[in-house]
Amino acid sequence: MEPKETVEYVDEGELTPRFVKTVVAITAAFLVVGGIVTYYVTFVLLGF
Protein backbone atom coordinates (compact mmCIF):
# COMPACT_ATOMS: atom_id res chain seq x y z
CA MET A 1 0.00 0.00 0.00
CA GLU A 2 2.68 2.49 1.02
CA PRO A 3 4.94 2.01 -2.05
CA LYS A 4 1.99 2.45 -4.41
CA GLU A 5 0.86 5.60 -2.63
CA THR A 6 4.43 6.91 -2.70
CA VAL A 7 4.72 6.19 -6.44
CA GLU A 8 1.43 7.96 -7.15
CA TYR A 9 2.53 10.90 -5.00
CA VAL A 10 5.88 11.06 -6.80
CA ASP A 11 4.13 10.95 -10.20
CA GLU A 12 1.91 13.85 -9.23
CA GLY A 13 4.98 15.69 -7.90
CA GLU A 14 6.80 15.13 -11.20
CA LEU A 15 3.90 16.35 -13.35
CA THR A 16 3.73 19.76 -11.68
CA PRO A 17 7.44 20.62 -12.11
CA ARG A 18 7.32 19.39 -15.70
CA PHE A 19 4.32 21.64 -16.39
CA VAL A 20 6.02 24.58 -14.68
CA LYS A 21 9.27 23.93 -16.56
CA THR A 22 7.32 23.80 -19.84
CA VAL A 23 5.59 27.11 -19.11
CA VAL A 24 8.89 28.70 -18.06
CA ALA A 25 10.62 27.36 -21.17
CA ILE A 26 7.86 28.72 -23.44
CA THR A 27 7.92 32.07 -21.64
CA ALA A 28 11.72 32.22 -21.89
CA ALA A 29 11.52 31.35 -25.59
CA PHE A 30 9.02 34.18 -26.18
CA LEU A 31 11.26 36.60 -24.25
CA VAL A 32 14.36 35.54 -26.21
CA VAL A 33 12.59 35.68 -29.59
CA GLY A 34 10.96 38.99 -28.65
CA GLY A 35 14.32 40.39 -27.57
CA ILE A 36 16.00 39.28 -30.82
CA VAL A 37 13.18 40.71 -32.95
CA THR A 38 13.23 43.99 -30.99
CA TYR A 39 17.02 44.22 -31.29
CA TYR A 40 16.90 43.39 -35.01
CA VAL A 41 14.11 45.90 -35.72
CA THR A 42 15.91 48.58 -33.70
CA PHE A 43 19.18 47.82 -35.53
CA VAL A 44 17.42 48.03 -38.92
CA LEU A 45 15.73 51.31 -37.95
CA LEU A 46 19.08 52.72 -36.76
CA GLY A 47 20.65 51.40 -39.96
CA PHE A 48 18.25 53.50 -42.00
PDB file of N, CA and C in Angstrom:
ATOM      1  N   MET A   1       0.838  -1.206   0.000  1.00  0.00           N
ATOM      2  CA  MET A   1       0.000   0.000   0.000  1.00  0.00           C
ATOM      3  C   MET A   1       0.878   1.263   0.000  1.00  0.00           C
ATOM      4  N   GLU A   2       1.848   1.292   0.904  1.00  0.00           N
ATOM      5  CA  GLU A   2       2.678   2.493   1.024  1.00  0.00           C
ATOM      6  C   GLU A   2       3.495   2.777  -0.251  1.00  0.00           C
ATOM      7  N   PRO A   3       4.157   1.744  -0.827  1.00  0.00           N
ATOM      8  CA  PRO A   3       4.936   2.005  -2.048  1.00  0.00           C
ATOM      9  C   PRO A   3       4.067   2.557  -3.168  1.00  0.00           C
ATOM     10  N   LYS A   4       2.869   1.978  -3.346  1.00  0.00           N
ATOM     11  CA  LYS A   4       1.985   2.449  -4.412  1.00  0.00           C
ATOM     12  C   LYS A   4       1.602   3.906  -4.184  1.00  0.00           C
ATOM     13  N   GLU A   5       1.246   4.222  -2.939  1.00  0.00           N
ATOM     14  CA  GLU A   5       0.857   5.597  -2.633  1.00  0.00           C
ATOM     15  C   GLU A   5       2.029   6.549  -2.882  1.00  0.00           C
ATOM     16  N   THR A   6       3.233   6.078  -2.512  1.00  0.00           N
ATOM     17  CA  THR A   6       4.425   6.908  -2.704  1.00  0.00           C
ATOM     18  C   THR A   6       4.656   7.138  -4.199  1.00  0.00           C
ATOM     19  N   VAL A   7       4.505   6.070  -4.995  1.00  0.00           N
ATOM     20  CA  VAL A   7       4.716   6.191  -6.437  1.00  0.00           C
ATOM     21  C   VAL A   7       3.712   7.175  -7.030  1.00  0.00           C
ATOM     22  N   GLU A   8       2.447   7.056  -6.628  1.00  0.00           N
ATOM     23  CA  GLU A   8       1.428   7.964  -7.149  1.00  0.00           C
ATOM     24  C   GLU A   8       1.757   9.403  -6.744  1.00  0.00           C
ATOM     25  N   TYR A   9       2.200   9.558  -5.497  1.00  0.00           N
ATOM     26  CA  TYR A   9       2.526  10.895  -5.000  1.00  0.00           C
ATOM     27  C   TYR A   9       3.708  11.476  -5.785  1.00  0.00           C
ATOM     28  N   VAL A  10       4.705  10.608  -6.047  1.00  0.00           N
ATOM     29  CA  VAL A  10       5.875  11.058  -6.800  1.00  0.00           C
ATOM     30  C   VAL A  10       5.467  11.439  -8.217  1.00  0.00           C
ATOM     31  N   ASP A  11       4.580  10.640  -8.840  1.00  0.00           N
ATOM     32  CA  ASP A  11       4.135  10.947 -10.198  1.00  0.00           C
ATOM     33  C   ASP A  11       3.465  12.312 -10.232  1.00  0.00           C
ATOM     34  N   GLU A  12       2.596  12.567  -9.267  1.00  0.00           N
ATOM     35  CA  GLU A  12       1.913  13.855  -9.226  1.00  0.00           C
ATOM     36  C   GLU A  12       2.932  14.962  -9.003  1.00  0.00           C
ATOM     37  N   GLY A  13       3.945  14.697  -8.164  1.00  0.00           N
ATOM     38  CA  GLY A  13       4.980  15.689  -7.896  1.00  0.00           C
ATOM     39  C   GLY A  13       5.809  15.966  -9.140  1.00  0.00           C
ATOM     40  N   GLU A  14       6.000  14.945  -9.990  1.00  0.00           N
ATOM     41  CA  GLU A  14       6.796  15.128 -11.200  1.00  0.00           C
ATOM     42  C   GLU A  14       6.011  15.904 -12.261  1.00  0.00           C
ATOM     43  N   LEU A  15       4.705  15.682 -12.328  1.00  0.00           N
ATOM     44  CA  LEU A  15       3.903  16.347 -13.350  1.00  0.00           C
ATOM     45  C   LEU A  15       3.911  17.854 -13.160  1.00  0.00           C
ATOM     46  N   THR A  16       3.782  18.317 -11.918  1.00  0.00           N
ATOM     47  CA  THR A  16       3.731  19.759 -11.676  1.00  0.00           C
ATOM     48  C   THR A  16       5.020  20.450 -12.108  1.00  0.00           C
ATOM     49  N   PRO A  17       6.188  19.981 -11.664  1.00  0.00           N
ATOM     50  CA  PRO A  17       7.438  20.619 -12.105  1.00  0.00           C
ATOM     51  C   PRO A  17       7.598  20.585 -13.620  1.00  0.00           C
ATOM     52  N   ARG A  18       7.208  19.479 -14.241  1.00  0.00           N
ATOM     53  CA  ARG A  18       7.320  19.392 -15.704  1.00  0.00           C
ATOM     54  C   ARG A  18       6.457  20.460 -16.349  1.00  0.00           C
ATOM     55  N   PHE A  19       5.223  20.634 -15.845  1.00  0.00           N
ATOM     56  CA  PHE A  19       4.322  21.639 -16.390  1.00  0.00           C
ATOM     57  C   PHE A  19       4.910  23.026 -16.193  1.00  0.00           C
ATOM     58  N   VAL A  20       5.425  23.270 -14.982  1.00  0.00           N
ATOM     59  CA  VAL A  20       6.024  24.579 -14.676  1.00  0.00           C
ATOM     60  C   VAL A  20       7.233  24.823 -15.570  1.00  0.00           C
ATOM     61  N   LYS A  21       8.083  23.792 -15.718  1.00  0.00           N
ATOM     62  CA  LYS A  21       9.274  23.931 -16.561  1.00  0.00           C
ATOM     63  C   LYS A  21       8.864  24.225 -17.996  1.00  0.00           C
ATOM     64  N   THR A  22       7.794  23.569 -18.474  1.00  0.00           N
ATOM     65  CA  THR A  22       7.323  23.795 -19.839  1.00  0.00           C
ATOM     66  C   THR A  22       6.873  25.237 -20.009  1.00  0.00           C
ATOM     67  N   VAL A  23       6.082  25.727 -19.045  1.00  0.00           N
ATOM     68  CA  VAL A  23       5.588  27.107 -19.110  1.00  0.00           C
ATOM     69  C   VAL A  23       6.762  28.080 -19.071  1.00  0.00           C
ATOM     70  N   VAL A  24       7.714  27.820 -18.174  1.00  0.00           N
ATOM     71  CA  VAL A  24       8.895  28.700 -18.057  1.00  0.00           C
ATOM     72  C   VAL A  24       9.701  28.677 -19.354  1.00  0.00           C
ATOM     73  N   ALA A  25       9.853  27.486 -19.931  1.00  0.00           N
ATOM     74  CA  ALA A  25      10.622  27.355 -21.173  1.00  0.00           C
ATOM     75  C   ALA A  25       9.948  28.134 -22.292  1.00  0.00           C
ATOM     76  N   ILE A  26       8.612  28.005 -22.399  1.00  0.00           N
ATOM     77  CA  ILE A  26       7.864  28.716 -23.441  1.00  0.00           C
ATOM     78  C   ILE A  26       7.987  30.224 -23.219  1.00  0.00           C
ATOM     79  N   THR A  27       7.818  30.648 -21.957  1.00  0.00           N
ATOM     80  CA  THR A  27       7.920  32.074 -21.640  1.00  0.00           C
ATOM     81  C   THR A  27       9.309  32.586 -21.983  1.00  0.00           C
ATOM     82  N   ALA A  28      10.331  31.825 -21.602  1.00  0.00           N
ATOM     83  CA  ALA A  28      11.715  32.220 -21.891  1.00  0.00           C
ATOM     84  C   ALA A  28      11.924  32.306 -23.400  1.00  0.00           C
ATOM     85  N   ALA A  29      11.373  31.355 -24.136  1.00  0.00           N
ATOM     86  CA  ALA A  29      11.516  31.350 -25.595  1.00  0.00           C
ATOM     87  C   ALA A  29      10.888  32.610 -26.181  1.00  0.00           C
ATOM     88  N   PHE A  30       9.684  32.972 -25.699  1.00  0.00           N
ATOM     89  CA  PHE A  30       9.020  34.181 -26.184  1.00  0.00           C
ATOM     90  C   PHE A  30       9.868  35.409 -25.871  1.00  0.00           C
ATOM     91  N   LEU A  31      10.445  35.455 -24.655  1.00  0.00           N
ATOM     92  CA  LEU A  31      11.264  36.604 -24.255  1.00  0.00           C
ATOM     93  C   LEU A  31      12.505  36.700 -25.140  1.00  0.00           C
ATOM     94  N   VAL A  32      13.149  35.542 -25.384  1.00  0.00           N
ATOM     95  CA  VAL A  32      14.360  35.536 -26.213  1.00  0.00           C
ATOM     96  C   VAL A  32      14.021  35.958 -27.638  1.00  0.00           C
ATOM     97  N   VAL A  33      12.990  35.341 -28.218  1.00  0.00           N
ATOM     98  CA  VAL A  33      12.592  35.677 -29.591  1.00  0.00           C
ATOM     99  C   VAL A  33      12.183  37.150 -29.663  1.00  0.00           C
ATOM    100  N   GLY A  34      11.400  37.590 -28.676  1.00  0.00           N
ATOM    101  CA  GLY A  34      10.958  38.990 -28.653  1.00  0.00           C
ATOM    102  C   GLY A  34      12.151  39.923 -28.552  1.00  0.00           C
ATOM    103  N   GLY A  35      13.130  39.545 -27.722  1.00  0.00           N
ATOM    104  CA  GLY A  35      14.325  40.386 -27.572  1.00  0.00           C
ATOM    105  C   GLY A  35      15.113  40.450 -28.873  1.00  0.00           C
ATOM    106  N   ILE A  36      15.264  39.317 -29.556  1.00  0.00           N
ATOM    107  CA  ILE A  36      16.002  39.279 -30.824  1.00  0.00           C
ATOM    108  C   ILE A  36      15.278  40.123 -31.870  1.00  0.00           C
ATOM    109  N   VAL A  37      13.965  39.955 -31.971  1.00  0.00           N
ATOM    110  CA  VAL A  37      13.176  40.713 -32.948  1.00  0.00           C
ATOM    111  C   VAL A  37      13.286  42.212 -32.650  1.00  0.00           C
ATOM    112  N   THR A  38      13.136  42.573 -31.373  1.00  0.00           N
ATOM    113  CA  THR A  38      13.226  43.989 -30.986  1.00  0.00           C
ATOM    114  C   THR A  38      14.603  44.546 -31.329  1.00  0.00           C
ATOM    115  N   TYR A  39      15.652  43.783 -31.004  1.00  0.00           N
ATOM    116  CA  TYR A  39      17.023  44.217 -31.291  1.00  0.00           C
ATOM    117  C   TYR A  39      17.226  44.353 -32.796  1.00  0.00           C
ATOM    118  N   TYR A  40      16.727  43.366 -33.553  1.00  0.00           N
ATOM    119  CA  TYR A  40      16.896  43.386 -35.010  1.00  0.00           C
ATOM    120  C   TYR A  40      16.161  44.574 -35.620  1.00  0.00           C
ATOM    121  N   VAL A  41      14.906  44.787 -35.197  1.00  0.00           N
ATOM    122  CA  VAL A  41      14.108  45.901 -35.722  1.00  0.00           C
ATOM    123  C   VAL A  41      14.779  47.226 -35.373  1.00  0.00           C
ATOM    124  N   THR A  42      15.237  47.342 -34.121  1.00  0.00           N
ATOM    125  CA  THR A  42      15.911  48.578 -33.701  1.00  0.00           C
ATOM    126  C   THR A  42      17.177  48.792 -34.530  1.00  0.00           C
ATOM    127  N   PHE A  43      17.938  47.729 -34.750  1.00  0.00           N
ATOM    128  CA  PHE A  43      19.180  47.819 -35.530  1.00  0.00           C
ATOM    129  C   PHE A  43      18.871  48.261 -36.961  1.00  0.00           C
ATOM    130  N   VAL A  44      17.811  47.684 -37.546  1.00  0.00           N
ATOM    131  CA  VAL A  44      17.423  48.032 -38.919  1.00  0.00           C
ATOM    132  C   VAL A  44      16.990  49.496 -38.966  1.00  0.00           C
ATOM    133  N   LEU A  45      16.191  49.916 -37.974  1.00  0.00           N
ATOM    134  CA  LEU A  45      15.731  51.308 -37.946  1.00  0.00           C
ATOM    135  C   LEU A  45      16.927  52.253 -37.795  1.00  0.00           C
ATOM    136  N   LEU A  46      17.885  51.873 -36.942  1.00  0.00           N
ATOM    137  CA  LEU A  46      19.080  52.717 -36.757  1.00  0.00           C
ATOM    138  C   LEU A  46      19.918  52.686 -38.029  1.00  0.00           C
ATOM    139  N   GLY A  47      19.881  51.530 -38.728  1.00  0.00           N
ATOM    140  CA  GLY A  47      20.648  51.400 -39.960  1.00  0.00           C
ATOM    141  C   GLY A  47      20.141  52.404 -40.990  1.00  0.00           C
ATOM    142  N   PHE A  48      18.816  52.539 -41.056  1.00  0.00           N
ATOM    143  CA  PHE A  48      18.252  53.503 -41.999  1.00  0.00           C
ATOM    144  C   PHE A  48      18.493  54.913 -41.476  1.00  0.00           C
TER     145      PHE A  48
END
